[in-house]
Amino acid sequence: MELSALGLDPWFSDQAGKLCGSGQRIARVTAVDRGWYTVRNGDGEVLARATGRFLHTTESTCDMPCVGDWVCLRYRDDGTAATIHAMLPRRSFLQRKFAGKRIELQMIAANIDVAFIVQSCHFDFNVSRLERYLVMAKEGRVEPLLILSKTDLVSGDELEQLIAEIRRAGISTKIIAISNVTGSGLDQIKEVMGSGKTYCIVGSSGVGKSTLINKLTGNDSLETRAVSDSGEGRHTTVRRQLIVLEQGAMLIDTPGMREVGLLGVSDGMNDNFEDIHELSMGCRFSNCRHSNEPGCAIVKAIEEGILQLEHFQNYVKLKVESESNAISYSGKRKKKKTV
């Protein structure tokens, strides 16, 4: 396999020329498991570990290689193992705040062209959660595509209502409705997937991500479990991994996300809530809080039905969360450097 089939292009080749030392080769990370990295080049996959010198240069877990990264390797043991000496810059990424109270960033995947954001039409559907995924994708310069799964569990009218609810929230992202049971919509997904491009599937547990990948690969390489009586699937994926499909596209499967916490996502907020940002430009005061100030364009738009109140409230909630986490994260890093 040529490296171009794994997503290598002139930009990455140029970066490799600057960072990789003599005798080193580049490969792409296809899986990560407790300090071990599965890496793939044109000859195949091997296990690799990062050198002590490389580890010494990292300041956080986000500086470590993740699935989708390109790395500089030195092969050993007749090419059956390797050591990672450097990592190429990321052109795009998906990251979130660690689940729970931990104020740290967690890298999900890197160098992704499109994020397939999967939501079930049944138990999982939630526009506010969808907006979190969209902010995450746009912050990392990843094109989002929304997949509504399990359409076999709702009527045609109910599906149209769900899509209308998404559009009322100002979300214009492309939507593909699918059923892993009937196969409806799967051809549409295959049509948008290009050879040499990388796609990452994200969503809550049980929405059918692994089943979708099995449908796209044409085999049952990923374990799946039957849905419950409520239509909720069972969590199966336990690690992130990159899979090369027969048609040449690449898929990164990810474990279901219980939380999609945001931390310092100013660009993603502005891109995803562009409608609110544009409306705010019409406020009388530049420091308008959009509550009871005179001449507030946001309040006027809500009163006139131009802007959904729930959409604006979720914007405020995500903005406060992101900024608060960013302050805590910055303080934590400063404290760590002074110790």
Protein backbone atom coordinates (compact mmCIF):
# COMPACT_ATOMS: atom_id res chain seq x y z
CA MET A 1 0.00 0.00 0.00
CA GLU A 2 1.24 3.48 -0.91
CA LEU A 3 1.39 5.97 1.94
CA SER A 4 -0.91 8.26 -0.06
CA ALA A 5 -3.62 5.63 0.43
CA LEU A 6 -3.23 6.20 4.18
CA GLY A 7 -3.79 9.93 3.76
CA LEU A 8 -0.23 11.15 3.20
CA ASP A 9 -0.15 14.26 1.01
CA PRO A 10 2.49 16.89 0.12
CA TRP A 11 1.78 18.91 3.29
CA PHE A 12 2.51 15.97 5.60
CA SER A 13 5.49 14.94 3.46
CA ASP A 14 6.93 18.44 3.87
CA GLN A 15 6.47 18.27 7.64
CA ALA A 16 8.13 14.86 7.74
CA GLY A 17 11.11 16.24 5.85
CA LYS A 18 11.57 18.85 8.57
CA LEU A 19 11.04 16.62 11.62
CA CYS A 20 12.16 13.09 10.81
CA GLY A 21 15.83 12.33 11.36
CA SER A 22 18.21 10.30 9.27
CA GLY A 23 17.15 6.69 8.98
CA GLN A 24 13.63 7.41 10.23
CA ARG A 25 10.44 6.64 8.33
CA ILE A 26 6.90 7.90 8.70
CA ALA A 27 3.84 5.85 9.56
CA ARG A 28 0.31 6.48 10.73
CA VAL A 29 -1.03 5.54 14.16
CA THR A 30 -3.97 3.14 13.79
CA ALA A 31 -4.53 2.20 17.45
CA VAL A 32 -3.35 3.14 20.95
CA ASP A 33 -3.37 0.80 23.93
CA ARG A 34 -1.78 1.75 27.29
CA GLY A 35 1.45 3.20 25.96
CA TRP A 36 1.70 0.90 22.95
CA TYR A 37 1.02 2.23 19.46
CA THR A 38 -0.01 0.24 16.42
CA VAL A 39 1.52 2.04 13.44
CA ARG A 40 1.07 1.40 9.74
CA ASN A 41 3.14 2.27 6.70
CA GLY A 42 3.22 0.90 3.18
CA ASP A 43 4.58 -2.45 4.38
CA GLY A 44 2.08 -3.20 7.14
CA GLU A 45 1.46 -2.71 10.86
CA VAL A 46 3.85 -3.09 13.81
CA LEU A 47 3.83 -2.18 17.49
CA ALA A 48 5.79 0.88 18.61
CA ARG A 49 6.69 2.75 21.78
CA ALA A 50 7.68 6.39 22.26
CA THR A 51 11.29 7.12 23.16
CA GLY A 52 12.16 8.70 26.50
CA ARG A 53 13.42 11.80 24.73
CA PHE A 54 10.09 12.21 22.93
CA LEU A 55 8.14 11.72 26.16
CA HIS A 56 10.28 14.38 27.84
CA THR A 57 9.16 16.98 25.27
CA THR A 58 5.43 16.46 25.93
CA GLU A 59 3.62 18.79 28.32
CA SER A 60 0.19 17.14 28.33
CA THR A 61 -1.60 14.02 27.13
CA CYS A 62 -2.68 15.95 24.03
CA ASP A 63 0.97 16.10 22.95
CA MET A 64 1.12 12.31 22.77
CA PRO A 65 0.26 10.48 19.53
CA CYS A 66 -3.35 9.43 19.06
CA VAL A 67 -5.20 7.49 16.38
CA GLY A 68 -4.77 9.24 13.02
CA ASP A 69 -1.46 10.93 13.84
CA TRP A 70 1.61 10.69 11.61
CA VAL A 71 4.85 9.85 13.43
CA CYS A 72 8.57 9.52 12.69
CA LEU A 73 9.79 5.98 13.41
CA ARG A 74 12.99 4.06 13.64
CA TYR A 75 12.34 0.40 12.92
CA ARG A 76 14.20 -2.37 14.74
CA ASP A 77 14.21 -6.16 15.10
CA ASP A 78 14.10 -6.63 11.33
CA GLY A 79 11.11 -4.31 11.00
CA THR A 80 8.91 -6.14 13.51
CA ALA A 81 8.94 -3.30 16.07
CA ALA A 82 9.61 0.44 16.13
CA THR A 83 10.28 3.47 18.33
CA ILE A 84 8.54 6.85 17.92
CA HIS A 85 10.92 9.80 17.81
CA ALA A 86 8.65 12.65 16.69
CA MET A 87 5.08 13.46 15.76
CA LEU A 88 3.99 15.53 12.76
CA PRO A 89 1.75 18.59 13.33
CA ARG A 90 -1.98 17.90 13.21
CA ARG A 91 -4.01 19.47 10.44
CA SER A 92 -7.29 18.68 12.19
CA PHE A 93 -8.39 16.94 15.36
CA LEU A 94 -11.23 15.99 17.69
CA GLN A 95 -10.74 16.64 21.38
CA ARG A 96 -12.89 17.13 24.47
CA LYS A 97 -12.55 17.71 28.18
CA PHE A 98 -12.02 14.46 30.05
CA ALA A 99 -15.24 13.03 31.43
CA GLY A 100 -15.99 13.84 35.06
CA LYS A 101 -14.28 16.49 37.19
CA ARG A 102 -10.84 16.16 35.59
CA ILE A 103 -9.97 19.47 33.89
CA GLU A 104 -7.74 18.17 31.11
CA LEU A 105 -8.07 17.85 27.36
CA GLN A 106 -8.43 14.39 25.85
CA MET A 107 -7.45 13.84 22.23
CA ILE A 108 -9.91 11.58 20.42
CA ALA A 109 -8.43 11.37 16.92
CA ALA A 110 -6.30 13.43 14.54
CA ASN A 111 -6.05 14.36 10.88
CA ILE A 112 -9.70 13.73 10.12
CA ASP A 113 -11.53 14.99 7.05
CA VAL A 114 -15.11 14.36 8.18
CA ALA A 115 -16.70 13.53 11.53
CA PHE A 116 -19.78 11.29 11.32
CA ILE A 117 -21.84 12.41 14.32
CA VAL A 118 -24.30 9.60 15.01
CA GLN A 119 -27.52 10.13 16.95
CA SER A 120 -30.33 7.63 17.30
CA CYS A 121 -33.82 8.68 16.24
CA HIS A 122 -35.10 6.90 19.31
CA PHE A 123 -33.63 7.13 22.82
CA ASP A 124 -30.53 9.25 22.07
CA PHE A 125 -31.93 12.19 20.09
CA ASN A 126 -30.95 15.50 21.69
CA VAL A 127 -30.30 18.72 19.78
CA SER A 128 -28.35 20.31 22.66
CA ARG A 129 -25.94 17.36 22.74
CA LEU A 130 -25.65 17.52 18.97
CA GLU A 131 -24.52 21.14 19.24
CA ARG A 132 -21.73 20.02 21.57
CA TYR A 133 -20.45 17.59 18.94
CA LEU A 134 -20.66 20.27 16.25
CA VAL A 135 -18.66 22.73 18.36
CA MET A 136 -16.05 20.03 19.00
CA ALA A 137 -15.76 19.25 15.28
CA LYS A 138 -15.56 22.85 14.12
CA GLU A 139 -13.02 23.77 16.81
CA GLY A 140 -10.75 21.06 15.39
CA ARG A 141 -11.27 22.12 11.76
CA VAL A 142 -13.19 18.91 10.97
CA GLU A 143 -16.18 18.91 8.63
CA PRO A 144 -19.22 17.46 10.46
CA LEU A 145 -21.88 15.23 8.95
CA LEU A 146 -24.91 14.17 10.99
CA ILE A 147 -26.16 10.60 10.81
CA LEU A 148 -29.58 9.86 12.28
CA SER A 149 -29.63 6.10 12.99
CA LYS A 150 -32.36 3.58 13.81
CA THR A 151 -34.92 5.16 11.50
CA ASP A 152 -36.73 1.80 11.53
CA LEU A 153 -37.86 2.63 15.08
CA VAL A 154 -39.75 5.80 14.08
CA SER A 155 -42.34 6.69 11.46
CA GLY A 156 -41.63 8.85 8.42
CA ASP A 157 -43.50 11.77 9.99
CA GLU A 158 -41.53 11.45 13.23
CA LEU A 159 -38.26 11.47 11.29
CA GLU A 160 -39.29 14.65 9.47
CA GLN A 161 -40.13 16.25 12.80
CA LEU A 162 -36.69 15.39 14.19
CA ILE A 163 -34.96 16.90 11.16
CA ALA A 164 -37.17 20.00 11.41
CA GLU A 165 -36.16 20.38 15.06
CA ILE A 166 -32.50 20.32 14.04
CA ARG A 167 -33.05 22.93 11.34
CA ARG A 168 -35.01 25.21 13.72
CA ALA A 169 -31.92 25.31 15.92
CA GLY A 170 -30.02 26.92 13.05
CA ILE A 171 -28.04 23.76 12.21
CA SER A 172 -27.42 23.47 8.47
CA THR A 173 -25.08 20.44 8.63
CA LYS A 174 -25.76 17.72 6.04
CA ILE A 175 -27.99 14.96 7.45
CA ILE A 176 -28.16 11.31 6.36
CA ALA A 177 -30.89 9.15 7.91
CA ILE A 178 -30.05 5.44 8.10
CA SER A 179 -31.21 2.09 9.39
CA ASN A 180 -28.69 -0.67 10.03
CA VAL A 181 -31.65 -3.08 10.00
CA THR A 182 -33.14 -2.22 6.59
CA GLY A 183 -29.96 -0.80 5.03
CA SER A 184 -31.68 2.47 4.20
CA GLY A 185 -29.24 5.37 3.80
CA LEU A 186 -26.06 3.27 3.81
CA ASP A 187 -25.44 3.89 0.11
CA GLN A 188 -25.57 7.65 0.77
CA ILE A 189 -22.80 7.32 3.33
CA LYS A 190 -20.67 5.26 0.94
CA GLU A 191 -21.14 7.90 -1.78
CA VAL A 192 -19.68 10.70 0.36
CA MET A 193 -16.61 8.69 1.37
CA GLY A 194 -13.57 9.30 -0.79
CA SER A 195 -10.44 7.20 -1.23
CA GLY A 196 -7.54 8.36 0.94
CA LYS A 197 -9.85 10.41 3.16
CA THR A 198 -10.29 9.83 6.90
CA TYR A 199 -13.67 9.68 8.63
CA CYS A 200 -14.26 9.46 12.37
CA ILE A 201 -17.47 8.10 13.87
CA VAL A 202 -18.53 9.65 17.18
CA GLY A 203 -21.66 9.41 19.30
CA SER A 204 -23.14 8.01 22.48
CA SER A 205 -22.96 4.33 23.39
CA GLY A 206 -25.46 2.11 21.67
CA VAL A 207 -26.39 4.30 18.71
CA GLY A 208 -25.11 1.73 16.20
CA LYS A 209 -21.61 2.96 15.38
CA SER A 210 -19.95 -0.47 15.34
CA THR A 211 -22.84 -1.99 13.40
CA LEU A 212 -22.53 0.82 10.85
CA ILE A 213 -18.81 0.14 10.43
CA ASN A 214 -19.51 -3.58 9.94
CA LYS A 215 -22.04 -2.67 7.24
CA LEU A 216 -19.50 -0.41 5.51
CA THR A 217 -16.67 -2.96 5.72
CA GLY A 218 -18.87 -5.87 4.70
CA ASN A 219 -17.81 -8.05 7.63
CA ASP A 220 -18.37 -8.45 11.35
CA SER A 221 -14.90 -7.41 12.51
CA LEU A 222 -16.31 -5.27 15.33
CA GLU A 223 -18.32 -6.86 18.12
CA THR A 224 -21.92 -5.69 18.45
CA ARG A 225 -24.72 -6.54 20.85
CA ALA A 226 -28.48 -6.61 20.51
CA VAL A 227 -30.52 -3.57 21.45
CA SER A 228 -32.63 -3.49 24.61
CA ASP A 229 -36.41 -3.34 24.68
CA SER A 230 -36.19 0.48 24.66
CA GLY A 231 -34.25 0.48 21.41
CA GLU A 232 -31.03 1.45 23.16
CA GLY A 233 -27.97 -0.42 21.95
CA ARG A 234 -25.28 -2.01 24.08
CA HIS A 235 -21.84 -0.44 24.41
CA THR A 236 -19.20 -2.54 22.64
CA THR A 237 -16.24 -0.49 21.34
CA VAL A 238 -13.51 -0.17 23.96
CA ARG A 239 -10.73 1.60 22.07
CA ARG A 240 -10.18 3.89 19.11
CA GLN A 241 -8.87 2.31 15.93
CA LEU A 242 -8.39 3.24 12.30
CA ILE A 243 -9.75 0.83 9.70
CA VAL A 244 -8.90 0.96 5.99
CA LEU A 245 -11.93 0.10 3.89
CA GLU A 246 -11.77 -1.85 0.63
CA GLN A 247 -12.82 1.21 -1.41
CA GLY A 248 -9.87 3.18 0.02
CA ALA A 249 -11.53 5.38 2.64
CA MET A 250 -10.46 5.17 6.29
CA LEU A 251 -12.76 4.98 9.32
CA ILE A 252 -11.87 5.71 12.94
CA ASP A 253 -14.21 3.99 15.38
CA THR A 254 -14.48 5.45 18.88
CA PRO A 255 -16.01 4.27 22.17
CA GLY A 256 -19.35 5.82 23.06
CA MET A 257 -19.03 9.18 24.78
CA ARG A 258 -20.89 9.61 28.04
CA GLU A 259 -19.91 13.30 28.13
CA VAL A 260 -18.78 15.83 25.54
CA GLY A 261 -17.22 18.47 27.77
CA LEU A 262 -15.92 21.68 26.17
CA LEU A 263 -12.76 23.56 27.09
CA GLY A 264 -11.53 26.73 25.36
CA VAL A 265 -13.51 26.29 22.14
CA SER A 266 -13.92 29.92 21.05
CA ASP A 267 -13.51 29.24 17.31
CA GLY A 268 -15.88 26.30 17.42
CA MET A 269 -18.48 28.35 19.30
CA ASN A 270 -18.32 31.20 16.79
CA ASP A 271 -18.57 28.83 13.82
CA ASN A 272 -21.39 26.70 15.18
CA PHE A 273 -23.42 29.59 16.60
CA GLU A 274 -22.76 31.95 13.72
CA ASP A 275 -26.42 33.03 13.69
CA ILE A 276 -26.18 34.29 17.27
CA HIS A 277 -22.84 35.97 16.62
CA GLU A 278 -24.23 37.84 13.61
CA LEU A 279 -27.36 38.92 15.50
CA SER A 280 -25.25 40.23 18.40
CA MET A 281 -23.49 42.60 16.01
CA GLY A 282 -26.79 44.51 15.85
CA CYS A 283 -26.98 45.14 19.61
CA ARG A 284 -26.88 48.78 20.70
CA PHE A 285 -24.04 48.16 23.16
CA SER A 286 -20.87 46.24 22.30
CA ASN A 287 -20.79 44.68 25.79
CA CYS A 288 -24.45 43.65 25.71
CA ARG A 289 -25.23 40.65 27.92
CA HIS A 290 -28.37 39.83 25.93
CA SER A 291 -30.67 39.90 28.95
CA ASN A 292 -32.52 43.14 29.69
CA GLU A 293 -30.30 45.75 28.03
CA PRO A 294 -32.10 48.22 25.74
CA GLY A 295 -31.55 47.69 22.02
CA CYS A 296 -30.54 44.04 22.35
CA ALA A 297 -30.84 42.34 18.95
CA ILE A 298 -30.80 38.87 20.53
CA VAL A 299 -33.79 39.54 22.81
CA LYS A 300 -35.66 41.10 19.89
CA ALA A 301 -34.97 38.08 17.66
CA ILE A 302 -36.25 35.71 20.36
CA GLU A 303 -39.40 37.79 20.89
CA GLU A 304 -40.09 37.83 17.15
CA GLY A 305 -39.55 34.09 16.79
CA ILE A 306 -36.47 34.52 14.59
CA LEU A 307 -34.19 32.87 17.16
CA GLN A 308 -35.13 29.85 19.29
CA LEU A 309 -34.84 30.51 23.02
CA GLU A 310 -33.53 26.96 23.65
CA HIS A 311 -30.85 27.46 21.00
CA PHE A 312 -29.66 30.68 22.66
CA GLN A 313 -29.80 29.16 26.16
CA ASN A 314 -27.64 26.25 25.04
CA TYR A 315 -25.18 28.71 23.48
CA VAL A 316 -24.89 30.55 26.81
CA LYS A 317 -24.51 27.27 28.72
CA LEU A 318 -21.74 25.96 26.45
CA LYS A 319 -19.93 29.30 26.39
CA VAL A 320 -19.89 29.56 30.20
CA GLU A 321 -18.78 25.92 30.53
CA SER A 322 -15.97 26.31 27.99
CA GLU A 323 -14.65 29.55 29.47
CA SER A 324 -14.86 28.27 33.05
CA ASN A 325 -12.99 25.08 32.18
CA ALA A 326 -10.39 27.10 30.25
CA ILE A 327 -9.69 29.28 33.32
CA SER A 328 -9.31 26.20 35.54
CA TYR A 329 -7.10 24.49 32.95
CA SER A 330 -4.86 27.55 32.56
CA GLY A 331 -4.46 27.93 36.32
CA LYS A 332 -3.62 24.27 36.70
CA ARG A 333 -0.93 24.43 34.01
CA LYS A 334 0.63 27.58 35.54
CA LYS A 335 0.72 25.93 38.93
CA LYS A 336 2.34 22.83 37.46
CA LYS A 337 5.10 24.91 35.80
CA THR A 338 5.98 26.69 39.05
CA VAL A 339 6.32 23.48 41.05
